[in-house]
Amino acid sequence: MLPCLLLSIFLLPHFCLAQSPVASPCEQHFTYLHEGNDYFGQIKLERLERGRTEIKVTFSQRDSLTSNYYGTITPYPDGQLQVNRMPVLFRVHFPNPSRPPKLTKLSINSNVLCTGPAYSAPSSWFELTYTVNAHSAGGRPQAPASAPATAPTAPTTQEHTHTTRYTTRPTKASTYFTSAPAVGLPTETAAIPPPQKFSNIFLTQRFQQNTTITCGTEGSVLRPFLHGGKELIRGQFPWMAAVYRKETVHSLSYICGGTLLSAKSVVSAAHCFNNLPAMKVALFLGRTNLESFSEDGFITRDVERLVIHPDYNNLPDADIAVLHMAAIGSFTDYIRPICLWTESTHISRIVGLKGSVAGWGSNENGQLVSPIAKRADVEIVSEVDCIRSSAVFSKLVTSRAFCAGNRDGVGPCMGDSGSGLVLQRNNRWMLRGIVSFGQTNRGQCNLHEYVVYVDVAQHLNWLEDNM
């Protein structure tokens, strides 16, 4: 044990081997470390083989998790993976750093390195997976071909974290509500920049190829005033897309919401597509009632290409994906694109405003998917208010996400991930956020806490380059 201890101290000068409440079943590969009262795990591999390497760890926890954040795996020490640095180290961040979970399984490319006993019921379990492709050129890891490349001077990795949680009975595979973490505003008070104008020339040109309909407008429909959790009626929010996973030749399952950007593209949350290739995804546009195939004017599309934001790392600040499909022939009252944001992108300009979010997520009747889309109007709050509301947000806050919600039990829930938060500006609806993360309580959505949204306005250049 002494050589191992000395090696760990050399590599981790600021951390100590943990006197952990739980023991590792294979200390040669996985150790518990701590800094103050916070615990984390370290995975140690002697080397990485060429090609694809999948690291998978499974943990058992005594009680149920209180949020949909399950932790992350990151290369150590600087988040950049160098395969020619031996041994190769990874840091495992736990959902509750003060109460480390018990490691029950560690495997590399399906080869089990060790196993350990789980906690007896009641308990929960979750799984983290880190995947990297390592090629011989320069010894640097490369992202999978399906992921956008980053700058060639830096090593690129693609992290896929699939998390599933069970209590006394299995719950649906967690959706980052289906979700993940955080919010964003600079921690220091800064002068508010003047409003910035982002032209939608790219978007407008695509519209003109098909129709003269203006983005961000609804069809000519008669409707009552709708608010928190009320059902949409046909023609309202015509940019909504329902995202399905192809299970078999004859079956589909609803997984997330999306927003129509152009005749050829839909935007959603990246975490909806962990380990899910484009060929397994289908889109429905022009739907309001998912159980009624007698609705007229809806269309289906296969996804031809799936583009995940290169900065996505299981946190909300880059939890964005663009889905490419065969072009829509024309826009209608039921199928219309949203407008991208054209005003100031500073979050302080929208704090206190109401945004609207709609989707087919689980409802108060216990249905995992609501047959008819529902809309909620939620207030956008400051970073300070969000962090003060829950310790979860203080751990996960970033500069490219924001919080919204009324904390009254109304809002997006499981299955609403990827749905857009829109604001009406000058009689046109504009996309500002994408549902990314929400907290749960005993397997149910906890809408007495805020929900975290990706701030789409911080990603306009990337969106316009990829839509």
Protein backbone atom coordinates (compact mmCIF):
# COMPACT_ATOMS: atom_id res chain seq x y z
CA MET A 1 0.00 0.00 0.00
CA LEU A 2 2.90 2.42 0.67
CA PRO A 3 4.06 2.75 -2.98
CA CYS A 4 0.45 3.36 -4.04
CA LEU A 5 0.05 6.01 -1.36
CA LEU A 6 3.24 7.80 -2.38
CA LEU A 7 2.26 7.72 -6.04
CA SER A 8 -1.15 9.18 -5.26
CA ILE A 9 0.36 11.97 -3.16
CA PHE A 10 2.77 12.82 -5.98
CA LEU A 11 0.04 12.98 -8.58
CA LEU A 12 -2.52 14.65 -6.35
CA PRO A 13 -0.68 17.12 -4.13
CA HIS A 14 -3.87 18.84 -2.98
CA PHE A 15 -5.92 15.75 -2.22
CA CYS A 16 -5.77 12.83 0.16
CA LEU A 17 -6.61 9.18 -0.07
CA ALA A 18 -10.02 9.01 1.51
CA GLN A 19 -10.95 7.46 4.78
CA SER A 20 -14.14 6.88 2.84
CA PRO A 21 -17.43 5.66 4.34
CA VAL A 22 -17.30 3.05 1.57
CA ALA A 23 -14.46 0.86 0.33
CA SER A 24 -13.35 0.31 -3.24
CA PRO A 25 -13.57 -3.32 -4.43
CA CYS A 26 -10.51 -2.74 -6.64
CA GLU A 27 -8.15 -0.09 -5.31
CA GLN A 28 -5.65 -0.76 -8.08
CA HIS A 29 -8.17 0.69 -10.55
CA PHE A 30 -10.50 2.88 -8.48
CA THR A 31 -9.84 4.87 -5.33
CA TYR A 32 -11.88 7.28 -3.23
CA LEU A 33 -10.21 10.63 -2.56
CA HIS A 34 -11.36 13.61 -0.60
CA GLU A 35 -10.80 17.33 -0.26
CA GLY A 36 -12.27 18.68 2.95
CA ASN A 37 -15.71 17.11 3.29
CA ASP A 38 -16.10 16.36 -0.42
CA TYR A 39 -15.34 12.95 -1.90
CA PHE A 40 -14.62 12.00 -5.47
CA GLY A 41 -13.35 8.95 -7.29
CA GLN A 42 -10.26 8.32 -9.36
CA ILE A 43 -10.01 5.75 -12.15
CA LYS A 44 -6.49 4.63 -13.01
CA LEU A 45 -5.68 2.82 -16.26
CA GLU A 46 -2.17 1.68 -17.14
CA ARG A 47 -2.74 2.63 -20.77
CA LEU A 48 -5.37 3.26 -23.43
CA GLU A 49 -5.52 1.01 -26.45
CA ARG A 50 -5.85 2.44 -29.93
CA GLY A 51 -9.37 2.91 -31.16
CA ARG A 52 -12.49 3.22 -29.07
CA THR A 53 -12.34 2.86 -25.30
CA GLU A 54 -15.50 2.87 -23.20
CA ILE A 55 -15.14 3.27 -19.45
CA LYS A 56 -18.28 2.36 -17.55
CA VAL A 57 -18.80 2.63 -13.78
CA THR A 58 -21.89 1.65 -11.82
CA PHE A 59 -22.65 2.92 -8.32
CA SER A 60 -25.13 2.07 -5.58
CA GLN A 61 -26.54 4.71 -3.24
CA ARG A 62 -28.46 4.18 0.00
CA ASP A 63 -31.29 6.53 -0.88
CA SER A 64 -32.83 8.01 -4.01
CA LEU A 65 -31.13 10.88 -5.77
CA THR A 66 -32.66 14.31 -5.28
CA SER A 67 -31.88 15.63 -8.74
CA ASN A 68 -31.17 14.41 -12.25
CA TYR A 69 -27.48 15.21 -11.92
CA TYR A 70 -25.61 11.91 -11.64
CA GLY A 71 -22.06 13.20 -11.75
CA THR A 72 -19.45 13.21 -14.48
CA ILE A 73 -16.23 11.55 -15.55
CA THR A 74 -13.44 13.87 -16.70
CA PRO A 75 -9.78 13.33 -17.63
CA TYR A 76 -7.35 14.31 -14.87
CA PRO A 77 -5.59 16.59 -14.09
CA ASP A 78 -6.60 19.31 -16.56
CA GLY A 79 -9.62 17.86 -18.37
CA GLN A 80 -7.50 17.19 -21.46
CA LEU A 81 -6.76 13.56 -22.21
CA GLN A 82 -3.22 12.67 -23.28
CA VAL A 83 -2.97 9.00 -24.11
CA ASN A 84 0.84 9.09 -24.05
CA ARG A 85 0.73 10.06 -20.37
CA MET A 86 0.90 6.88 -18.30
CA PRO A 87 -0.95 5.94 -16.24
CA VAL A 88 -4.15 7.52 -17.57
CA LEU A 89 -6.27 9.08 -14.83
CA PHE A 90 -9.94 10.06 -14.73
CA ARG A 91 -11.79 11.99 -12.05
CA VAL A 92 -15.32 10.86 -11.08
CA HIS A 93 -17.50 13.61 -9.62
CA PHE A 94 -20.38 12.28 -7.50
CA PRO A 95 -23.92 13.73 -7.42
CA ASN A 96 -23.57 14.25 -3.65
CA PRO A 97 -19.86 14.81 -2.89
CA SER A 98 -20.37 14.57 0.86
CA ARG A 99 -21.94 11.09 0.61
CA PRO A 100 -19.95 8.99 -1.85
CA PRO A 101 -21.81 6.11 -3.51
CA LYS A 102 -20.56 2.53 -3.48
CA LEU A 103 -18.76 1.28 -6.60
CA THR A 104 -20.44 -1.93 -7.75
CA LYS A 105 -18.91 -2.41 -11.19
CA LEU A 106 -16.05 -1.07 -13.31
CA SER A 107 -15.60 -2.20 -16.90
CA ILE A 108 -13.49 -1.23 -19.89
CA ASN A 109 -14.94 -2.07 -23.30
CA SER A 110 -17.30 -4.56 -21.63
CA ASN A 111 -14.39 -6.28 -19.86
CA VAL A 112 -15.28 -6.27 -16.17
CA LEU A 113 -12.33 -5.21 -14.01
CA CYS A 114 -14.10 -5.58 -10.69
CA THR A 115 -17.46 -5.83 -8.99
CA GLY A 116 -18.75 -5.14 -5.51
CA PRO A 117 -21.97 -5.58 -3.55
CA ALA A 118 -24.77 -3.01 -3.80
CA TYR A 119 -26.75 -1.56 -0.93
CA SER A 120 -29.89 -3.44 0.01
CA ALA A 121 -33.29 -1.88 -0.65
CA PRO A 122 -34.31 0.84 -0.41
CA SER A 123 -31.49 2.10 -2.59
CA SER A 124 -30.80 3.49 -6.04
CA TRP A 125 -28.13 2.97 -8.63
CA PHE A 126 -26.70 4.97 -11.48
CA GLU A 127 -24.17 4.48 -14.22
CA LEU A 128 -21.61 6.79 -15.86
CA THR A 129 -19.92 6.12 -19.17
CA TYR A 130 -16.96 7.91 -20.73
CA THR A 131 -16.07 7.11 -24.34
CA VAL A 132 -12.97 8.23 -26.22
CA ASN A 133 -11.39 7.30 -29.54
CA ALA A 134 -7.59 7.23 -29.41
CA HIS A 135 -5.61 7.22 -32.65
CA SER A 136 -1.92 6.72 -33.14
CA ALA A 137 -1.21 10.07 -34.81
CA GLY A 138 0.37 12.15 -32.06
CA GLY A 139 -1.15 9.89 -29.46
CA ARG A 140 -4.10 12.23 -29.03
CA PRO A 141 -7.66 11.09 -28.51
CA GLN A 142 -10.09 12.00 -31.25
CA ALA A 143 -13.82 12.61 -31.12
CA PRO A 144 -16.13 10.16 -32.84
CA ALA A 145 -16.86 11.02 -36.46
CA SER A 146 -20.44 11.96 -35.62
CA ALA A 147 -19.28 14.76 -33.32
CA PRO A 148 -18.12 18.16 -34.61
CA ALA A 149 -14.36 18.58 -34.48
CA THR A 150 -12.75 21.11 -32.16
CA ALA A 151 -9.58 23.07 -32.76
CA PRO A 152 -6.86 20.76 -34.13
CA THR A 153 -4.29 21.99 -31.59
CA ALA A 154 -6.17 20.56 -28.63
CA PRO A 155 -7.07 16.94 -27.90
CA THR A 156 -10.75 16.26 -28.44
CA THR A 157 -12.90 13.78 -26.60
CA GLN A 158 -16.57 12.92 -26.75
CA GLU A 159 -18.11 12.15 -23.37
CA HIS A 160 -21.37 10.22 -23.30
CA THR A 161 -22.94 9.83 -19.87
CA HIS A 162 -26.01 7.63 -19.82
CA THR A 163 -27.67 7.51 -16.43
CA THR A 164 -30.39 5.19 -15.19
CA ARG A 165 -31.84 5.18 -11.69
CA TYR A 166 -33.83 2.58 -9.78
CA THR A 167 -35.46 2.72 -6.38
CA THR A 168 -37.66 -0.16 -5.19
CA ARG A 169 -38.93 -0.50 -8.74
CA PRO A 170 -37.33 0.69 -11.98
CA THR A 171 -38.14 4.17 -13.15
CA LYS A 172 -37.97 5.30 -16.75
CA ALA A 173 -34.39 5.84 -17.91
CA SER A 174 -33.69 9.24 -16.55
CA THR A 175 -34.12 12.13 -18.82
CA TYR A 176 -31.91 15.03 -17.85
CA PHE A 177 -35.36 15.69 -16.62
CA THR A 178 -34.27 13.78 -18.78
CA SER A 179 -31.65 16.53 -17.48
CA ALA A 180 -28.31 17.95 -16.17
CA PRO A 181 -27.00 21.05 -14.29
CA ALA A 182 -26.59 24.82 -13.91
CA VAL A 183 -27.25 28.46 -14.59
CA GLY A 184 -25.39 31.49 -15.71
CA LEU A 185 -24.60 35.12 -15.12
CA PRO A 186 -21.18 36.61 -14.41
CA THR A 187 -20.44 36.38 -10.69
CA GLU A 188 -19.20 39.96 -10.75
CA THR A 189 -21.46 42.89 -11.55
CA ALA A 190 -20.55 44.16 -14.99
CA ALA A 191 -21.71 47.01 -17.14
CA ILE A 192 -24.56 45.90 -19.37
CA PRO A 193 -23.45 46.04 -23.00
CA PRO A 194 -25.59 47.82 -25.56
CA PRO A 195 -28.18 45.69 -27.36
CA GLN A 196 -26.65 43.47 -30.02
CA LYS A 197 -28.37 42.73 -33.27
CA PHE A 198 -27.99 39.31 -34.84
CA SER A 199 -29.45 39.21 -38.31
CA ASN A 200 -31.43 36.17 -39.33
CA ILE A 201 -30.24 36.40 -42.93
CA PHE A 202 -29.23 32.75 -42.90
CA LEU A 203 -32.62 31.80 -41.55
CA THR A 204 -34.58 34.11 -43.86
CA GLN A 205 -32.88 32.78 -46.98
CA ARG A 206 -33.93 29.26 -46.06
CA PHE A 207 -37.48 30.38 -45.48
CA GLN A 208 -37.65 32.07 -48.85
CA GLN A 209 -36.77 28.85 -50.60
CA ASN A 210 -40.04 27.39 -49.37
CA THR A 211 -42.52 30.00 -48.21
CA THR A 212 -43.12 33.62 -47.31
CA ILE A 213 -44.26 32.77 -43.77
CA THR A 214 -42.37 34.77 -41.15
CA CYS A 215 -40.61 32.94 -38.34
CA GLY A 216 -42.02 33.10 -34.83
CA THR A 217 -45.66 33.55 -35.84
CA GLU A 218 -48.65 31.34 -35.11
CA GLY A 219 -51.37 30.31 -37.52
CA SER A 220 -54.78 31.94 -37.68
CA VAL A 221 -56.35 30.12 -34.75
CA LEU A 222 -58.95 31.11 -32.19
CA ARG A 223 -57.67 30.41 -28.71
CA PRO A 224 -58.31 31.42 -25.12
CA PHE A 225 -55.59 32.88 -22.93
CA LEU A 226 -53.37 29.97 -21.91
CA HIS A 227 -51.01 29.77 -18.96
CA GLY A 228 -49.23 27.32 -16.66
CA GLY A 229 -49.83 23.73 -17.62
CA LYS A 230 -52.81 24.30 -19.92
CA GLU A 231 -53.29 22.27 -23.09
CA LEU A 232 -52.32 23.80 -26.41
CA ILE A 233 -54.80 23.90 -29.23
CA ARG A 234 -54.14 23.17 -32.86
CA GLY A 235 -51.96 25.78 -34.53
CA GLN A 236 -50.41 27.16 -31.37
CA PHE A 237 -46.62 27.00 -31.08
CA PRO A 238 -46.27 25.50 -34.60
CA TRP A 239 -42.47 25.22 -34.23
CA MET A 240 -42.76 22.37 -31.74
CA ALA A 241 -41.22 19.05 -32.76
CA ALA A 242 -41.70 15.65 -31.13
CA VAL A 243 -38.50 13.60 -31.10
CA TYR A 244 -38.82 9.81 -31.19
CA ARG A 245 -36.41 6.91 -30.86
CA LYS A 246 -36.85 4.04 -33.31
CA GLU A 247 -37.16 0.95 -31.14
CA THR A 248 -37.96 -1.65 -33.80
CA VAL A 249 -39.15 -1.67 -37.39
CA HIS A 250 -42.71 -1.16 -36.18
CA SER A 251 -42.37 0.85 -32.97
CA LEU A 252 -41.28 4.30 -31.81
CA SER A 253 -40.93 5.83 -28.35
CA TYR A 254 -41.13 9.51 -27.51
CA ILE A 255 -37.94 10.83 -25.89
CA CYS A 256 -37.74 14.64 -26.07
CA GLY A 257 -39.07 17.86 -27.47
CA GLY A 258 -37.48 20.05 -30.12
CA THR A 259 -37.92 23.35 -31.96
CA LEU A 260 -38.06 23.89 -35.72
CA LEU A 261 -35.30 26.28 -36.81
CA SER A 262 -35.57 26.08 -40.58
CA ALA A 263 -36.96 23.96 -43.38
CA LYS A 264 -34.18 21.44 -42.76
CA SER A 265 -33.30 21.60 -39.08
CA VAL A 266 -34.61 21.14 -35.54
CA VAL A 267 -32.80 22.05 -32.31
CA SER A 268 -33.04 20.00 -29.12
CA ALA A 269 -30.95 19.07 -26.06
CA ALA A 270 -27.76 17.10 -26.62
CA HIS A 271 -28.35 14.81 -23.64
CA CYS A 272 -31.42 13.39 -25.39
CA PHE A 273 -29.10 11.59 -27.81
CA ASN A 274 -26.48 9.97 -25.59
CA ASN A 275 -25.30 6.89 -27.50
CA LEU A 276 -28.17 7.35 -29.99
CA PRO A 277 -27.19 7.63 -33.67
CA ALA A 278 -29.08 9.78 -36.16
CA MET A 279 -30.45 6.73 -37.97
CA LYS A 280 -32.37 5.79 -34.81
CA VAL A 281 -34.16 9.16 -34.49
CA ALA A 282 -37.41 10.33 -36.08
CA LEU A 283 -39.23 13.68 -35.97
CA PHE A 284 -42.91 14.59 -35.95
CA LEU A 285 -43.84 18.14 -36.94
CA GLY A 286 -47.28 19.72 -36.87
CA ARG A 287 -48.51 17.54 -33.99
CA THR A 288 -50.58 18.64 -31.01
CA ASN A 289 -52.18 15.36 -29.87
CA LEU A 290 -49.67 12.52 -30.13
CA GLU A 291 -52.43 9.93 -29.76
CA SER A 292 -54.49 11.25 -32.67
CA PHE A 293 -53.25 10.26 -36.08
CA SER A 294 -56.33 11.83 -37.61
CA GLU A 295 -54.74 15.27 -37.16
CA ASP A 296 -54.30 16.81 -40.56
CA GLY A 297 -51.17 18.58 -41.72
CA PHE A 298 -48.49 16.80 -39.70
CA ILE A 299 -45.39 15.29 -41.25
CA THR A 300 -42.68 12.84 -40.19
CA ARG A 301 -39.00 12.98 -41.01
CA ASP A 302 -36.03 10.70 -40.51
CA VAL A 303 -32.99 12.43 -39.04
CA GLU A 304 -30.23 12.43 -41.62
CA ARG A 305 -27.52 14.02 -39.49
CA LEU A 306 -27.15 14.74 -35.79
CA VAL A 307 -24.75 17.50 -34.71
CA ILE A 308 -23.83 17.70 -31.03
CA HIS A 309 -22.29 20.94 -29.74
CA PRO A 310 -18.52 20.36 -29.41
CA ASP A 311 -18.50 21.87 -25.91
CA TYR A 312 -21.18 19.53 -24.56
CA ASN A 313 -19.93 17.77 -21.43
CA ASN A 314 -23.14 16.76 -19.68
CA LEU A 315 -23.68 20.27 -18.32
CA PRO A 316 -26.43 22.61 -19.55
CA ASP A 317 -24.23 25.38 -20.94
CA ALA A 318 -23.70 23.54 -24.25
CA ASP A 319 -26.54 20.99 -24.03
CA ILE A 320 -27.56 21.61 -27.64
CA ALA A 321 -27.98 19.38 -30.67
CA VAL A 322 -29.12 20.19 -34.21
CA LEU A 323 -31.01 17.54 -36.16
CA HIS A 324 -30.92 17.68 -39.95
CA MET A 325 -33.74 16.26 -42.06
CA ALA A 326 -35.07 16.32 -45.61
CA ALA A 327 -36.42 19.80 -46.37
CA ILE A 328 -40.05 20.66 -45.65
CA GLY A 329 -41.86 21.58 -48.86
CA SER A 330 -43.79 24.49 -47.38
CA PHE A 331 -44.75 25.97 -44.04
CA THR A 332 -48.36 25.91 -42.88
CA ASP A 333 -50.52 27.06 -39.97
CA TYR A 334 -49.31 23.96 -38.11
CA ILE A 335 -45.64 23.89 -39.11
CA ARG A 336 -43.64 27.09 -38.79
CA PRO A 337 -40.10 27.89 -37.62
CA ILE A 338 -39.13 29.86 -34.55
CA CYS A 339 -37.03 33.04 -34.73
CA LEU A 340 -33.54 33.13 -33.31
CA TRP A 341 -32.80 35.77 -30.69
CA THR A 342 -31.97 39.22 -32.13
CA GLU A 343 -31.78 41.42 -29.02
CA SER A 344 -29.11 41.81 -26.35
CA THR A 345 -27.77 38.44 -25.24
CA HIS A 346 -27.00 39.63 -21.68
CA ILE A 347 -29.03 37.54 -19.25
CA SER A 348 -29.85 40.55 -17.08
CA ARG A 349 -32.02 41.95 -19.89
CA ILE A 350 -34.52 39.09 -19.54
CA VAL A 351 -34.50 38.53 -15.76
CA GLY A 352 -38.03 39.04 -14.47
CA LEU A 353 -39.63 38.41 -17.86
CA LYS A 354 -42.03 35.54 -18.52
CA GLY A 355 -41.08 32.92 -21.06
CA SER A 356 -43.28 30.14 -22.41
CA VAL A 357 -42.33 26.49 -22.66
CA ALA A 358 -44.47 23.71 -24.09
CA GLY A 359 -44.07 19.97 -24.49
CA TRP A 360 -45.47 16.48 -24.13
CA GLY A 361 -43.67 15.55 -20.91
CA SER A 362 -45.11 13.62 -17.97
CA ASN A 363 -48.13 15.12 -16.27
CA GLU A 364 -49.97 15.27 -12.95
CA ASN A 365 -51.96 12.15 -13.91
CA GLY A 366 -48.83 10.01 -13.80
CA GLN A 367 -48.53 9.62 -17.57
CA LEU A 368 -44.91 9.58 -18.74
CA VAL A 369 -46.00 11.27 -21.96
CA SER A 370 -48.89 13.73 -22.13
CA PRO A 371 -51.04 12.99 -25.20
CA ILE A 372 -51.73 16.69 -25.79
CA ALA A 373 -48.96 19.27 -25.60
CA LYS A 374 -49.12 21.64 -22.65
CA ARG A 375 -47.75 25.11 -22.13
CA ALA A 376 -46.46 26.85 -19.00
CA ASP A 377 -45.46 30.48 -18.58
CA VAL A 378 -42.43 30.74 -16.29
CA GLU A 379 -40.44 33.63 -14.88
CA ILE A 380 -36.74 33.95 -15.69
CA VAL A 381 -34.68 34.53 -12.54
CA SER A 382 -31.17 35.77 -11.80
CA GLU A 383 -28.21 33.54 -11.15
CA VAL A 384 -28.08 34.72 -7.55
CA ASP A 385 -31.72 33.83 -6.88
CA CYS A 386 -31.27 30.46 -8.56
CA ILE A 387 -28.19 29.50 -6.56
CA ARG A 388 -29.74 30.64 -3.30
CA SER A 389 -32.72 28.40 -3.93
CA SER A 390 -30.84 25.08 -3.98
CA ALA A 391 -27.35 23.78 -3.27
CA VAL A 392 -27.59 21.69 -6.45
CA PHE A 393 -27.41 24.79 -8.62
CA SER A 394 -24.38 26.17 -6.78
CA LYS A 395 -22.42 23.08 -7.82
CA LEU A 396 -23.51 23.20 -11.43
CA VAL A 397 -23.79 26.85 -12.44
CA THR A 398 -22.22 27.94 -15.74
CA SER A 399 -22.18 31.15 -17.75
CA ARG A 400 -24.29 29.90 -20.66
CA ALA A 401 -27.43 28.73 -18.91
CA PHE A 402 -30.19 30.32 -16.86
CA CYS A 403 -32.95 29.37 -14.44
CA ALA A 404 -36.67 29.92 -14.80
CA GLY A 405 -39.78 28.79 -12.98
CA ASN A 406 -42.59 29.84 -10.71
CA ARG A 407 -41.85 27.20 -8.06
CA ASP A 408 -45.56 26.47 -7.89
CA GLY A 409 -45.66 22.92 -9.24
CA VAL A 410 -46.16 24.02 -12.85
CA GLY A 411 -43.50 23.75 -15.54
CA PRO A 412 -41.57 21.34 -17.76
CA CYS A 413 -41.17 17.77 -16.51
CA MET A 414 -39.65 14.45 -17.59
CA GLY A 415 -39.95 14.17 -21.34
CA ASP A 416 -39.87 17.94 -21.84
CA SER A 417 -36.10 18.04 -22.23
CA GLY A 418 -35.11 19.70 -25.49
CA SER A 419 -38.27 21.81 -25.61
CA GLY A 420 -37.79 25.50 -26.31
CA LEU A 421 -38.41 28.41 -23.98
CA VAL A 422 -39.68 31.28 -26.12
CA LEU A 423 -40.40 34.96 -25.50
CA GLN A 424 -42.71 37.16 -27.53
CA ARG A 425 -40.89 40.24 -28.80
CA ASN A 426 -42.60 42.71 -31.15
CA ASN A 427 -45.37 40.22 -31.97
CA ARG A 428 -42.92 37.47 -32.91
CA TRP A 429 -41.81 34.53 -30.79
CA MET A 430 -38.06 34.09 -30.32
CA LEU A 431 -36.13 31.12 -28.95
CA ARG A 432 -34.07 31.93 -25.86
CA GLY A 433 -33.68 28.66 -23.96
CA ILE A 434 -33.80 24.86 -24.18
CA VAL A 435 -34.97 22.70 -21.27
CA SER A 436 -31.92 20.95 -19.84
CA PHE A 437 -32.12 20.16 -16.12
CA GLY A 438 -34.72 19.83 -13.40
CA GLN A 439 -34.80 18.28 -9.95
CA THR A 440 -36.79 15.25 -8.91
CA ASN A 441 -38.18 14.01 -5.62
CA ARG A 442 -38.87 10.27 -5.24
CA GLY A 443 -38.98 9.86 -9.00
CA GLN A 444 -41.38 12.77 -9.53
CA CYS A 445 -40.62 16.19 -10.99
CA ASN A 446 -39.97 18.76 -8.29
CA LEU A 447 -41.39 21.91 -9.84
CA HIS A 448 -41.16 23.74 -6.55
CA GLU A 449 -37.56 24.24 -7.63
CA TYR A 450 -36.28 26.10 -10.67
CA VAL A 451 -35.55 24.47 -14.03
CA VAL A 452 -32.28 25.14 -15.87
CA TYR A 453 -32.24 26.08 -19.55
CA VAL A 454 -29.43 26.30 -22.06
CA ASP A 455 -29.10 29.96 -23.06
CA VAL A 456 -29.48 29.66 -26.83
CA ALA A 457 -28.53 33.32 -27.28
CA GLN A 458 -24.97 32.42 -26.24
CA HIS A 459 -24.70 29.93 -29.11
CA LEU A 460 -26.06 31.91 -32.06
CA ASN A 461 -22.92 31.67 -34.19
CA TRP A 462 -22.69 27.91 -33.71
CA LEU A 463 -26.40 27.47 -34.46
CA GLU A 464 -26.24 29.49 -37.66
CA ASP A 465 -23.20 27.51 -38.77
CA ASN A 466 -24.95 24.18 -38.18
CA MET A 467 -28.61 24.64 -38.98
